[in-house]
Amino acid sequence: MNNEVKPTWRLAWGLWWRMFLISLGISAVVGLIIFLVMLIAGVSLLQPFFAEPWAF
């Protein structure tokens, strides 16, 4: 059995879209993690200022 895959534009576009979607998903997950870490860090840094509003 000789099963040969011929490179075509359809194959190239399919591989490109697959690579694009995978990298987009990885970027979204990493971005979400960074956003959550920054949100938690910001809230923990600002918490002493909001604990006693009359301290201003």
N, C-alpha and C. Protein backbone atom coordinates (compact mmCIF):
# COMPACT_ATOMS: atom_id res chain seq x y z
N MET A 1 0.83 -1.18 0.00
CA MET A 1 0.00 0.00 0.00
C MET A 1 0.87 1.24 0.00
N ASN A 2 0.70 2.05 -1.00
CA ASN A 2 1.45 3.29 -1.11
C ASN A 2 0.48 4.45 -0.92
N ASN A 3 0.45 4.99 0.29
CA ASN A 3 -0.48 6.06 0.61
C ASN A 3 0.32 7.37 0.66
N GLU A 4 0.27 8.16 -0.38
CA GLU A 4 1.06 9.38 -0.48
C GLU A 4 0.15 10.59 -0.29
N VAL A 5 0.57 11.51 0.56
CA VAL A 5 -0.18 12.74 0.81
C VAL A 5 0.41 13.83 -0.08
N LYS A 6 -0.41 14.37 -0.94
CA LYS A 6 0.05 15.42 -1.83
C LYS A 6 -0.21 16.79 -1.19
N PRO A 7 0.80 17.61 -1.08
CA PRO A 7 0.60 18.94 -0.48
C PRO A 7 -0.26 19.82 -1.39
N THR A 8 -1.35 20.28 -0.85
CA THR A 8 -2.26 21.15 -1.59
C THR A 8 -2.53 22.40 -0.75
N TRP A 9 -3.16 23.40 -1.36
CA TRP A 9 -3.50 24.61 -0.62
C TRP A 9 -4.53 24.30 0.45
N ARG A 10 -5.42 23.35 0.20
CA ARG A 10 -6.42 22.98 1.21
C ARG A 10 -5.73 22.40 2.45
N LEU A 11 -4.74 21.56 2.23
CA LEU A 11 -3.99 20.99 3.34
C LEU A 11 -3.21 22.08 4.07
N ALA A 12 -2.61 22.99 3.32
CA ALA A 12 -1.84 24.07 3.95
C ALA A 12 -2.74 24.97 4.79
N TRP A 13 -3.91 25.34 4.26
CA TRP A 13 -4.84 26.17 5.03
C TRP A 13 -5.35 25.44 6.26
N GLY A 14 -5.61 24.16 6.12
CA GLY A 14 -6.08 23.38 7.27
C GLY A 14 -5.03 23.33 8.37
N LEU A 15 -3.78 23.11 7.98
CA LEU A 15 -2.71 23.08 8.98
C LEU A 15 -2.50 24.46 9.60
N TRP A 16 -2.61 25.51 8.79
CA TRP A 16 -2.43 26.86 9.31
C TRP A 16 -3.51 27.21 10.32
N TRP A 17 -4.78 26.90 9.99
CA TRP A 17 -5.87 27.20 10.91
C TRP A 17 -5.74 26.40 12.20
N ARG A 18 -5.32 25.15 12.08
CA ARG A 18 -5.16 24.33 13.27
C ARG A 18 -4.06 24.92 14.15
N MET A 19 -2.94 25.31 13.56
CA MET A 19 -1.85 25.91 14.32
C MET A 19 -2.31 27.24 14.95
N PHE A 20 -3.05 28.04 14.18
CA PHE A 20 -3.55 29.32 14.68
C PHE A 20 -4.48 29.14 15.87
N LEU A 21 -5.41 28.21 15.77
CA LEU A 21 -6.38 28.00 16.84
C LEU A 21 -5.73 27.43 18.09
N ILE A 22 -4.77 26.54 17.93
CA ILE A 22 -4.07 25.99 19.09
C ILE A 22 -3.27 27.08 19.78
N SER A 23 -2.54 27.90 19.00
CA SER A 23 -1.76 28.96 19.63
C SER A 23 -2.67 30.02 20.25
N LEU A 24 -3.82 30.28 19.65
CA LEU A 24 -4.77 31.22 20.24
C LEU A 24 -5.30 30.69 21.57
N GLY A 25 -5.60 29.42 21.62
CA GLY A 25 -6.08 28.82 22.87
C GLY A 25 -5.03 28.86 23.96
N ILE A 26 -3.78 28.55 23.61
CA ILE A 26 -2.70 28.59 24.59
C ILE A 26 -2.49 30.02 25.08
N SER A 27 -2.54 30.98 24.17
CA SER A 27 -2.38 32.39 24.56
C SER A 27 -3.51 32.84 25.47
N ALA A 28 -4.72 32.38 25.20
CA ALA A 28 -5.87 32.76 26.04
C ALA A 28 -5.71 32.19 27.44
N VAL A 29 -5.26 30.96 27.56
CA VAL A 29 -5.08 30.35 28.88
C VAL A 29 -3.98 31.06 29.65
N VAL A 30 -2.85 31.33 29.00
CA VAL A 30 -1.75 32.03 29.66
C VAL A 30 -2.18 33.44 30.05
N GLY A 31 -2.89 34.13 29.16
CA GLY A 31 -3.38 35.47 29.47
C GLY A 31 -4.35 35.48 30.64
N LEU A 32 -5.22 34.48 30.70
CA LEU A 32 -6.16 34.39 31.82
C LEU A 32 -5.43 34.16 33.14
N ILE A 33 -4.42 33.31 33.11
CA ILE A 33 -3.64 33.05 34.33
C ILE A 33 -2.93 34.33 34.77
N ILE A 34 -2.32 35.04 33.84
CA ILE A 34 -1.63 36.28 34.18
C ILE A 34 -2.62 37.32 34.71
N PHE A 35 -3.80 37.42 34.08
CA PHE A 35 -4.82 38.36 34.54
C PHE A 35 -5.27 38.03 35.96
N LEU A 36 -5.50 36.77 36.25
CA LEU A 36 -5.95 36.38 37.59
C LEU A 36 -4.87 36.63 38.63
N VAL A 37 -3.62 36.35 38.29
CA VAL A 37 -2.53 36.61 39.23
C VAL A 37 -2.42 38.11 39.51
N MET A 38 -2.51 38.93 38.46
CA MET A 38 -2.42 40.37 38.66
C MET A 38 -3.63 40.89 39.44
N LEU A 39 -4.80 40.32 39.20
CA LEU A 39 -6.00 40.73 39.93
C LEU A 39 -5.87 40.41 41.42
N ILE A 40 -5.41 39.21 41.73
CA ILE A 40 -5.24 38.81 43.13
C ILE A 40 -4.16 39.66 43.79
N ALA A 41 -3.06 39.91 43.07
CA ALA A 41 -1.98 40.73 43.63
C ALA A 41 -2.48 42.16 43.87
N GLY A 42 -3.23 42.71 42.93
CA GLY A 42 -3.75 44.06 43.09
C GLY A 42 -4.73 44.18 44.25
N VAL A 43 -5.58 43.20 44.39
CA VAL A 43 -6.55 43.23 45.49
C VAL A 43 -5.83 43.09 46.82
N SER A 44 -4.83 42.22 46.87
CA SER A 44 -4.12 42.04 48.14
C SER A 44 -3.28 43.26 48.49
N LEU A 45 -2.78 43.99 47.48
CA LEU A 45 -2.01 45.19 47.77
C LEU A 45 -2.90 46.36 48.18
N LEU A 46 -4.12 46.41 47.64
CA LEU A 46 -5.03 47.52 47.95
C LEU A 46 -5.91 47.25 49.16
N GLN A 47 -5.92 46.02 49.64
CA GLN A 47 -6.81 45.68 50.74
C GLN A 47 -6.58 46.51 52.00
N PRO A 48 -5.35 46.80 52.41
CA PRO A 48 -5.19 47.63 53.62
C PRO A 48 -5.80 49.03 53.48
N PHE A 49 -5.85 49.57 52.28
CA PHE A 49 -6.42 50.90 52.10
C PHE A 49 -7.94 50.87 52.21
N PHE A 50 -8.56 49.76 51.84
CA PHE A 50 -10.01 49.67 51.91
C PHE A 50 -10.51 49.06 53.21
N ALA A 51 -9.61 48.55 54.02
CA ALA A 51 -10.04 47.96 55.29
C ALA A 51 -10.52 49.05 56.27
N GLU A 52 -9.83 50.20 56.26
CA GLU A 52 -10.23 51.31 57.11
C GLU A 52 -10.38 52.57 56.25
N PRO A 53 -11.58 52.84 55.76
CA PRO A 53 -11.76 53.98 54.85
C PRO A 53 -11.48 55.33 55.51
N TRP A 54 -11.54 55.42 56.83
CA TRP A 54 -11.29 56.70 57.50
C TRP A 54 -9.78 56.97 57.66
N ALA A 55 -8.93 56.02 57.26
CA ALA A 55 -7.48 56.19 57.42
C ALA A 55 -6.93 57.17 56.39
N PHE A 56 -7.70 57.51 55.36
CA PHE A 56 -7.21 58.48 54.37
C PHE A 56 -7.14 59.81 55.02
